[in-house]
Amino acid sequence: MSEDLHAILTRILVDDLEVDADQAAGDVTLTDLELDSLAIAELVVRIKEETGTDLGEDESSMGSLTVSGLADLVATAQGRERTA
């Protein structure tokens, strides 16, 4: 993958979910970015489209994650997929 994971997530947040770029770069949670459950579900779909990584049913607990925390979650899921 040519872009690092954090950049991909930031691009999805800014381009697809219309989050302010300055806010997406900060250490705020997805809930602080005013993403509701529908927006988080869309984010999960876009992550799968962009990275091929399935985050499963973790959507309900994702609101408390920062962008960096989300990147860690995706990286962990990628690691599980590689070993499966």
C-alpha atoms as a PDB file:
ATOM      1  CA  MET A   1       0.000   0.000   0.000  1.00  0.00           C
ATOM      2  CA  SER A   2       1.524   3.284  -1.049  1.00  0.00           C
ATOM      3  CA  GLU A   3      -0.140   5.474   1.592  1.00  0.00           C
ATOM      4  CA  ASP A   4       0.319   4.809   5.250  1.00  0.00           C
ATOM      5  CA  LEU A   5      -2.742   3.783   7.203  1.00  0.00           C
ATOM      6  CA  HIS A   6      -3.121   7.045   9.087  1.00  0.00           C
ATOM      7  CA  ALA A   7      -3.158   8.996   5.820  1.00  0.00           C
ATOM      8  CA  ILE A   8      -5.779   6.671   4.340  1.00  0.00           C
ATOM      9  CA  LEU A   9      -8.022   7.059   7.377  1.00  0.00           C
ATOM     10  CA  THR A  10      -7.615  10.830   7.400  1.00  0.00           C
ATOM     11  CA  ARG A  11      -8.433  10.988   3.687  1.00  0.00           C
ATOM     12  CA  ILE A  12     -11.598   8.911   4.209  1.00  0.00           C
ATOM     13  CA  LEU A  13     -12.678  11.114   7.114  1.00  0.00           C
ATOM     14  CA  VAL A  14     -12.056  14.351   5.232  1.00  0.00           C
ATOM     15  CA  ASP A  15     -13.137  13.414   1.707  1.00  0.00           C
ATOM     16  CA  ASP A  16     -15.990  10.997   2.384  1.00  0.00           C
ATOM     17  CA  LEU A  17     -17.302  11.995   5.799  1.00  0.00           C
ATOM     18  CA  GLU A  18     -16.607  15.743   5.494  1.00  0.00           C
ATOM     19  CA  VAL A  19     -14.618  16.034   8.718  1.00  0.00           C
ATOM     20  CA  ASP A  20     -12.472  19.160   8.994  1.00  0.00           C
ATOM     21  CA  ALA A  21      -8.876  18.205   8.133  1.00  0.00           C
ATOM     22  CA  ASP A  22      -7.456  20.011  11.160  1.00  0.00           C
ATOM     23  CA  GLN A  23      -9.768  18.116  13.485  1.00  0.00           C
ATOM     24  CA  ALA A  24      -9.041  14.750  11.860  1.00  0.00           C
ATOM     25  CA  ALA A  25      -5.338  15.294  12.422  1.00  0.00           C
ATOM     26  CA  GLY A  26      -5.831  16.020  16.104  1.00  0.00           C
ATOM     27  CA  ASP A  27      -6.097  13.695  19.053  1.00  0.00           C
ATOM     28  CA  VAL A  28      -9.902  13.699  19.172  1.00  0.00           C
ATOM     29  CA  THR A  29     -12.249  10.742  19.193  1.00  0.00           C
ATOM     30  CA  LEU A  30     -14.577   9.805  16.370  1.00  0.00           C
ATOM     31  CA  THR A  31     -17.453  10.887  18.607  1.00  0.00           C
ATOM     32  CA  ASP A  32     -15.750  14.262  19.118  1.00  0.00           C
ATOM     33  CA  LEU A  33     -15.665  14.538  15.323  1.00  0.00           C
ATOM     34  CA  GLU A  34     -19.464  14.236  15.516  1.00  0.00           C
ATOM     35  CA  LEU A  35     -19.576  10.894  13.723  1.00  0.00           C
ATOM     36  CA  ASP A  36     -22.765   9.081  14.615  1.00  0.00           C
ATOM     37  CA  SER A  37     -23.300   5.329  14.329  1.00  0.00           C
ATOM     38  CA  LEU A  38     -24.283   5.601  10.655  1.00  0.00           C
ATOM     39  CA  ALA A  39     -21.153   7.609   9.818  1.00  0.00           C
ATOM     40  CA  ILE A  40     -18.997   5.110  11.707  1.00  0.00           C
ATOM     41  CA  ALA A  41     -20.632   2.270   9.772  1.00  0.00           C
ATOM     42  CA  GLU A  42     -19.822   4.111   6.527  1.00  0.00           C
ATOM     43  CA  LEU A  43     -16.259   4.604   7.763  1.00  0.00           C
ATOM     44  CA  VAL A  44     -15.922   0.852   8.362  1.00  0.00           C
ATOM     45  CA  VAL A  45     -17.180   0.141   4.833  1.00  0.00           C
ATOM     46  CA  ARG A  46     -14.750   2.659   3.312  1.00  0.00           C
ATOM     47  CA  ILE A  47     -11.867   1.190   5.330  1.00  0.00           C
ATOM     48  CA  LYS A  48     -12.684  -2.238   3.908  1.00  0.00           C
ATOM     49  CA  GLU A  49     -12.872  -0.819   0.374  1.00  0.00           C
ATOM     50  CA  GLU A  50      -9.559   1.028   0.717  1.00  0.00           C
ATOM     51  CA  THR A  51      -7.533  -1.519   2.679  1.00  0.00           C
ATOM     52  CA  GLY A  52      -9.342  -4.818   2.276  1.00  0.00           C
ATOM     53  CA  THR A  53      -9.510  -5.067   6.063  1.00  0.00           C
ATOM     54  CA  ASP A  54     -12.726  -6.244   7.683  1.00  0.00           C
ATOM     55  CA  LEU A  55     -13.194  -4.738  11.126  1.00  0.00           C
ATOM     56  CA  GLY A  56     -16.100  -7.058  11.823  1.00  0.00           C
ATOM     57  CA  GLU A  57     -18.681  -5.935  14.316  1.00  0.00           C
ATOM     58  CA  ASP A  58     -16.424  -3.553  16.279  1.00  0.00           C
ATOM     59  CA  GLU A  59     -18.431  -0.496  15.161  1.00  0.00           C
ATOM     60  CA  SER A  60     -20.282  -0.015  18.436  1.00  0.00           C
ATOM     61  CA  SER A  61     -17.088   0.630  20.372  1.00  0.00           C
ATOM     62  CA  MET A  62     -15.292   2.701  17.748  1.00  0.00           C
ATOM     63  CA  GLY A  63     -16.656   6.101  18.789  1.00  0.00           C
ATOM     64  CA  SER A  64     -14.123   6.368  21.589  1.00  0.00           C
ATOM     65  CA  LEU A  65     -11.164   5.828  19.251  1.00  0.00           C
ATOM     66  CA  THR A  66      -8.902   8.566  17.954  1.00  0.00           C
ATOM     67  CA  VAL A  67      -7.650   8.420  14.362  1.00  0.00           C
ATOM     68  CA  SER A  68      -4.408   6.922  15.684  1.00  0.00           C
ATOM     69  CA  GLY A  69      -6.369   4.397  17.733  1.00  0.00           C
ATOM     70  CA  LEU A  70      -8.401   3.517  14.668  1.00  0.00           C
ATOM     71  CA  ALA A  71      -5.193   3.039  12.675  1.00  0.00           C
ATOM     72  CA  ASP A  72      -3.969   0.669  15.414  1.00  0.00           C
ATOM     73  CA  LEU A  73      -7.263  -1.260  15.266  1.00  0.00           C
ATOM     74  CA  VAL A  74      -7.002  -1.619  11.479  1.00  0.00           C
ATOM     75  CA  ALA A  75      -3.349  -2.712  11.716  1.00  0.00           C
ATOM     76  CA  THR A  76      -4.276  -5.324  14.319  1.00  0.00           C
ATOM     77  CA  ALA A  77      -7.113  -6.600  12.135  1.00  0.00           C
ATOM     78  CA  GLN A  78      -4.737  -6.785   9.171  1.00  0.00           C
ATOM     79  CA  GLY A  79      -2.339  -8.841  11.271  1.00  0.00           C
ATOM     80  CA  ARG A  80      -5.144 -11.261  12.231  1.00  0.00           C
ATOM     81  CA  GLU A  81      -6.142 -11.622   8.577  1.00  0.00           C
ATOM     82  CA  ARG A  82      -2.578 -12.405   7.539  1.00  0.00           C
ATOM     83  CA  THR A  83      -2.238 -15.181  10.121  1.00  0.00           C
ATOM     84  CA  ALA A  84      -5.661 -16.697   9.439  1.00  0.00           C
END
